[in-house]
Amino acid sequence: MDGNDLLYSRDLPGGGRVTIEVHPAGVASASRCRARVVVERRRDPQRREGHAPPVIVEAEAPTRARVYEELIVVASDNVAVARGLIQWQSRRGRSK
């Protein structure tokens, strides 16, 4: 996680893990909290080295509780996670 603060974590049905992490700085300003949904698709930690996991959605809110409420909708739903991965792959393909 590289110093990020973990708010939520669960295993995915086909392997891997989805997490909600507060960004290292933790705040966008003195009164804002930033967090993101990260999907680690690889089950084997050795295969993860050198590969940043996809960030499928980010949010900013006044509190950690509020940003969690916004992101848990995606992180707790397998279909939303799959949709986020598809969108991430699409954005990644356009940037190459």
N, C-alpha and C. Protein backbone atom coordinates (compact mmCIF):
# COMPACT_ATOMS: atom_id res chain seq x y z
N MET A 1 0.81 -1.20 0.00
CA MET A 1 0.00 0.00 0.00
C MET A 1 0.85 1.26 0.00
N ASP A 2 2.09 1.18 0.26
CA ASP A 2 2.99 2.31 0.18
C ASP A 2 2.59 3.49 1.06
N GLY A 3 2.26 3.23 2.32
CA GLY A 3 1.95 4.31 3.24
C GLY A 3 0.52 4.79 3.21
N ASN A 4 -0.31 4.23 2.35
CA ASN A 4 -1.71 4.62 2.33
C ASN A 4 -2.43 4.03 3.53
N ASP A 5 -3.46 4.70 3.98
CA ASP A 5 -4.25 4.28 5.13
C ASP A 5 -5.42 3.43 4.62
N LEU A 6 -5.54 2.22 5.09
CA LEU A 6 -6.56 1.28 4.62
C LEU A 6 -7.89 1.51 5.34
N LEU A 7 -8.95 1.74 4.56
CA LEU A 7 -10.29 1.90 5.11
C LEU A 7 -11.14 0.65 4.94
N TYR A 8 -10.85 -0.15 3.90
CA TYR A 8 -11.68 -1.32 3.57
C TYR A 8 -10.84 -2.27 2.74
N SER A 9 -11.08 -3.57 2.92
CA SER A 9 -10.37 -4.57 2.12
C SER A 9 -11.21 -5.85 2.07
N ARG A 10 -11.24 -6.48 0.90
CA ARG A 10 -11.90 -7.77 0.78
C ARG A 10 -11.30 -8.53 -0.39
N ASP A 11 -11.39 -9.87 -0.29
CA ASP A 11 -10.93 -10.72 -1.37
C ASP A 11 -11.96 -10.73 -2.49
N LEU A 12 -11.48 -10.88 -3.71
CA LEU A 12 -12.36 -11.00 -4.87
C LEU A 12 -12.62 -12.47 -5.15
N PRO A 13 -13.77 -12.81 -5.72
CA PRO A 13 -14.13 -14.21 -5.96
C PRO A 13 -13.11 -14.99 -6.81
N GLY A 14 -12.55 -14.38 -7.83
CA GLY A 14 -11.62 -15.08 -8.71
C GLY A 14 -10.17 -14.91 -8.31
N GLY A 15 -9.93 -14.36 -7.15
CA GLY A 15 -8.57 -14.07 -6.71
C GLY A 15 -8.32 -12.58 -6.73
N GLY A 16 -7.35 -12.15 -6.01
CA GLY A 16 -7.06 -10.73 -5.90
C GLY A 16 -7.80 -10.10 -4.74
N ARG A 17 -7.74 -8.79 -4.69
CA ARG A 17 -8.28 -8.06 -3.55
C ARG A 17 -8.68 -6.66 -3.99
N VAL A 18 -9.72 -6.13 -3.35
CA VAL A 18 -10.13 -4.74 -3.58
C VAL A 18 -10.00 -4.00 -2.25
N THR A 19 -9.47 -2.78 -2.30
CA THR A 19 -9.29 -1.98 -1.09
C THR A 19 -9.76 -0.55 -1.32
N ILE A 20 -10.09 0.11 -0.22
CA ILE A 20 -10.28 1.56 -0.22
C ILE A 20 -9.14 2.10 0.61
N GLU A 21 -8.36 3.01 0.02
CA GLU A 21 -7.19 3.57 0.68
C GLU A 21 -7.27 5.08 0.68
N VAL A 22 -6.89 5.68 1.81
CA VAL A 22 -6.74 7.13 1.87
C VAL A 22 -5.38 7.44 1.26
N HIS A 23 -5.31 8.46 0.42
CA HIS A 23 -4.04 8.85 -0.19
C HIS A 23 -3.00 9.15 0.88
N PRO A 24 -1.71 8.98 0.56
CA PRO A 24 -0.65 9.21 1.54
C PRO A 24 -0.75 10.55 2.25
N ALA A 25 -1.02 11.60 1.51
CA ALA A 25 -1.16 12.91 2.14
C ALA A 25 -2.42 12.96 2.99
N GLY A 26 -3.42 12.17 2.59
CA GLY A 26 -4.63 12.04 3.39
C GLY A 26 -5.64 13.15 3.22
N VAL A 27 -5.20 14.30 2.78
CA VAL A 27 -6.15 15.41 2.62
C VAL A 27 -5.86 16.16 1.34
N ALA A 28 -6.91 16.68 0.75
CA ALA A 28 -6.75 17.53 -0.43
C ALA A 28 -6.52 18.96 0.02
N SER A 29 -7.09 19.30 1.15
CA SER A 29 -6.88 20.58 1.81
C SER A 29 -7.05 20.33 3.30
N ALA A 30 -7.05 21.35 4.08
CA ALA A 30 -7.18 21.16 5.52
C ALA A 30 -8.51 20.51 5.90
N SER A 31 -9.51 20.63 5.05
CA SER A 31 -10.83 20.11 5.41
C SER A 31 -11.36 19.06 4.44
N ARG A 32 -10.50 18.44 3.66
CA ARG A 32 -10.94 17.45 2.67
C ARG A 32 -10.12 16.18 2.79
N CYS A 33 -10.74 15.03 2.55
CA CYS A 33 -10.08 13.74 2.58
C CYS A 33 -10.17 13.12 1.19
N ARG A 34 -9.08 12.58 0.69
CA ARG A 34 -9.04 11.91 -0.61
C ARG A 34 -8.80 10.42 -0.41
N ALA A 35 -9.53 9.60 -1.17
CA ALA A 35 -9.33 8.16 -1.11
C ALA A 35 -9.58 7.57 -2.48
N ARG A 36 -9.25 6.27 -2.62
CA ARG A 36 -9.39 5.61 -3.92
C ARG A 36 -9.70 4.13 -3.72
N VAL A 37 -10.31 3.55 -4.76
CA VAL A 37 -10.55 2.10 -4.79
C VAL A 37 -9.46 1.50 -5.66
N VAL A 38 -8.72 0.56 -5.08
CA VAL A 38 -7.61 -0.10 -5.76
C VAL A 38 -7.94 -1.58 -5.89
N VAL A 39 -7.66 -2.14 -7.07
CA VAL A 39 -7.93 -3.56 -7.31
C VAL A 39 -6.62 -4.27 -7.60
N GLU A 40 -6.24 -5.16 -6.70
CA GLU A 40 -5.06 -6.00 -6.92
C GLU A 40 -5.55 -7.29 -7.54
N ARG A 41 -5.25 -7.48 -8.80
CA ARG A 41 -5.78 -8.63 -9.54
C ARG A 41 -4.93 -9.87 -9.36
N ARG A 42 -3.70 -9.72 -8.91
CA ARG A 42 -2.80 -10.86 -8.78
C ARG A 42 -2.83 -11.41 -7.37
N ARG A 43 -3.04 -12.69 -7.25
CA ARG A 43 -3.09 -13.34 -5.94
C ARG A 43 -1.68 -13.52 -5.37
N ASP A 44 -0.72 -13.83 -6.22
CA ASP A 44 0.65 -14.10 -5.79
C ASP A 44 1.41 -12.79 -5.58
N PRO A 45 1.85 -12.47 -4.35
CA PRO A 45 2.55 -11.22 -4.09
C PRO A 45 3.82 -11.03 -4.93
N GLN A 46 4.51 -12.11 -5.28
CA GLN A 46 5.73 -11.99 -6.09
C GLN A 46 5.41 -11.51 -7.50
N ARG A 47 4.24 -11.85 -8.02
CA ARG A 47 3.86 -11.39 -9.35
C ARG A 47 3.46 -9.92 -9.35
N ARG A 48 3.23 -9.34 -8.17
CA ARG A 48 2.81 -7.95 -8.06
C ARG A 48 3.98 -6.97 -8.18
N GLU A 49 5.19 -7.45 -7.88
CA GLU A 49 6.35 -6.56 -7.87
C GLU A 49 6.51 -5.86 -9.21
N GLY A 50 6.71 -4.55 -9.13
CA GLY A 50 6.91 -3.76 -10.34
C GLY A 50 5.63 -3.39 -11.08
N HIS A 51 4.49 -3.76 -10.56
CA HIS A 51 3.22 -3.46 -11.21
C HIS A 51 2.31 -2.73 -10.24
N ALA A 52 1.96 -1.52 -10.58
CA ALA A 52 1.02 -0.77 -9.75
C ALA A 52 -0.39 -1.30 -10.01
N PRO A 53 -1.15 -1.59 -8.97
CA PRO A 53 -2.51 -2.08 -9.18
C PRO A 53 -3.41 -0.98 -9.72
N PRO A 54 -4.44 -1.34 -10.47
CA PRO A 54 -5.36 -0.34 -11.02
C PRO A 54 -6.11 0.42 -9.94
N VAL A 55 -6.21 1.72 -10.14
CA VAL A 55 -7.08 2.58 -9.32
C VAL A 55 -8.31 2.81 -10.17
N ILE A 56 -9.46 2.28 -9.73
CA ILE A 56 -10.64 2.33 -10.58
C ILE A 56 -11.55 3.52 -10.30
N VAL A 57 -11.43 4.10 -9.11
CA VAL A 57 -12.21 5.30 -8.81
C VAL A 57 -11.56 6.04 -7.65
N GLU A 58 -11.65 7.36 -7.68
CA GLU A 58 -11.14 8.21 -6.60
C GLU A 58 -12.26 9.14 -6.16
N ALA A 59 -12.19 9.58 -4.92
CA ALA A 59 -13.19 10.51 -4.40
C ALA A 59 -12.55 11.43 -3.38
N GLU A 60 -13.21 12.54 -3.17
CA GLU A 60 -12.78 13.52 -2.18
C GLU A 60 -14.03 13.96 -1.43
N ALA A 61 -13.91 14.06 -0.11
CA ALA A 61 -15.05 14.46 0.73
C ALA A 61 -14.53 15.16 1.98
N PRO A 62 -15.43 15.78 2.74
CA PRO A 62 -15.01 16.50 3.94
C PRO A 62 -14.44 15.60 5.04
N THR A 63 -14.87 14.34 5.10
CA THR A 63 -14.40 13.45 6.16
C THR A 63 -14.06 12.07 5.60
N ARG A 64 -13.32 11.31 6.41
CA ARG A 64 -13.01 9.92 6.02
C ARG A 64 -14.29 9.10 5.92
N ALA A 65 -15.22 9.34 6.84
CA ALA A 65 -16.48 8.59 6.82
C ALA A 65 -17.26 8.88 5.54
N ARG A 66 -17.28 10.11 5.12
CA ARG A 66 -18.03 10.47 3.91
C ARG A 66 -17.37 9.91 2.65
N VAL A 67 -16.05 9.97 2.56
CA VAL A 67 -15.37 9.43 1.38
C VAL A 67 -15.54 7.91 1.35
N TYR A 68 -15.54 7.27 2.52
CA TYR A 68 -15.79 5.83 2.60
C TYR A 68 -17.19 5.52 2.07
N GLU A 69 -18.19 6.28 2.50
CA GLU A 69 -19.56 6.07 2.03
C GLU A 69 -19.67 6.16 0.51
N GLU A 70 -18.92 7.08 -0.08
CA GLU A 70 -18.95 7.25 -1.54
C GLU A 70 -18.29 6.06 -2.25
N LEU A 71 -17.19 5.56 -1.71
CA LEU A 71 -16.42 4.52 -2.40
C LEU A 71 -16.86 3.10 -2.09
N ILE A 72 -17.51 2.87 -0.95
CA ILE A 72 -17.92 1.51 -0.59
C ILE A 72 -18.95 0.98 -1.57
N VAL A 73 -19.70 1.86 -2.19
CA VAL A 73 -20.70 1.45 -3.17
C VAL A 73 -20.03 0.67 -4.31
N VAL A 74 -18.87 1.12 -4.74
CA VAL A 74 -18.13 0.43 -5.80
C VAL A 74 -17.35 -0.76 -5.23
N ALA A 75 -16.61 -0.54 -4.15
CA ALA A 75 -15.70 -1.57 -3.62
C ALA A 75 -16.42 -2.82 -3.14
N SER A 76 -17.66 -2.71 -2.72
CA SER A 76 -18.38 -3.86 -2.18
C SER A 76 -19.21 -4.60 -3.23
N ASP A 77 -19.20 -4.13 -4.46
CA ASP A 77 -20.04 -4.68 -5.53
C ASP A 77 -19.15 -5.28 -6.63
N ASN A 78 -19.20 -6.59 -6.81
CA ASN A 78 -18.35 -7.25 -7.81
C ASN A 78 -18.58 -6.73 -9.22
N VAL A 79 -19.83 -6.44 -9.56
CA VAL A 79 -20.13 -5.93 -10.90
C VAL A 79 -19.54 -4.53 -11.08
N ALA A 80 -19.65 -3.69 -10.06
CA ALA A 80 -19.07 -2.35 -10.14
C ALA A 80 -17.54 -2.41 -10.23
N VAL A 81 -16.93 -3.34 -9.52
CA VAL A 81 -15.47 -3.51 -9.61
C VAL A 81 -15.09 -3.95 -11.02
N ALA A 82 -15.80 -4.91 -11.58
CA ALA A 82 -15.52 -5.37 -12.95
C ALA A 82 -15.69 -4.23 -13.95
N ARG A 83 -16.76 -3.46 -13.79
CA ARG A 83 -17.00 -2.32 -14.68
C ARG A 83 -15.87 -1.31 -14.55
N GLY A 84 -15.42 -1.05 -13.33
CA GLY A 84 -14.31 -0.13 -13.11
C GLY A 84 -13.03 -0.61 -13.76
N LEU A 85 -12.77 -1.92 -13.70
CA LEU A 85 -11.57 -2.47 -14.36
C LEU A 85 -11.65 -2.32 -15.87
N ILE A 86 -12.82 -2.55 -16.43
CA ILE A 86 -13.00 -2.39 -17.88
C ILE A 86 -12.75 -0.94 -18.28
N GLN A 87 -13.30 0.00 -17.52
CA GLN A 87 -13.09 1.42 -17.82
C GLN A 87 -11.62 1.79 -17.65
N TRP A 88 -10.96 1.25 -16.62
CA TRP A 88 -9.53 1.51 -16.41
C TRP A 88 -8.72 1.01 -17.60
N GLN A 89 -9.03 -0.20 -18.07
CA GLN A 89 -8.31 -0.75 -19.21
C GLN A 89 -8.55 0.08 -20.46
N SER A 90 -9.75 0.58 -20.63
CA SER A 90 -10.07 1.43 -21.78
C SER A 90 -9.27 2.72 -21.72
N ARG A 91 -9.22 3.37 -20.55
CA ARG A 91 -8.44 4.63 -20.42
C ARG A 91 -6.96 4.36 -20.66
N ARG A 92 -6.49 3.26 -20.15
CA ARG A 92 -5.07 2.89 -20.30
C ARG A 92 -4.72 2.64 -21.76
N GLY A 93 -5.62 2.00 -22.51
CA GLY A 93 -5.41 1.73 -23.93
C GLY A 93 -5.34 3.02 -24.75
N ARG A 94 -6.13 4.01 -24.39
CA ARG A 94 -6.13 5.28 -25.12
C ARG A 94 -4.87 6.09 -24.85
N SER A 95 -4.25 5.90 -23.68
CA SER A 95 -3.08 6.70 -23.33
C SER A 95 -1.78 6.15 -23.91
N LYS A 96 -1.82 4.99 -24.52
CA LYS A 96 -0.60 4.39 -25.09
C LYS A 96 -0.33 4.90 -26.46
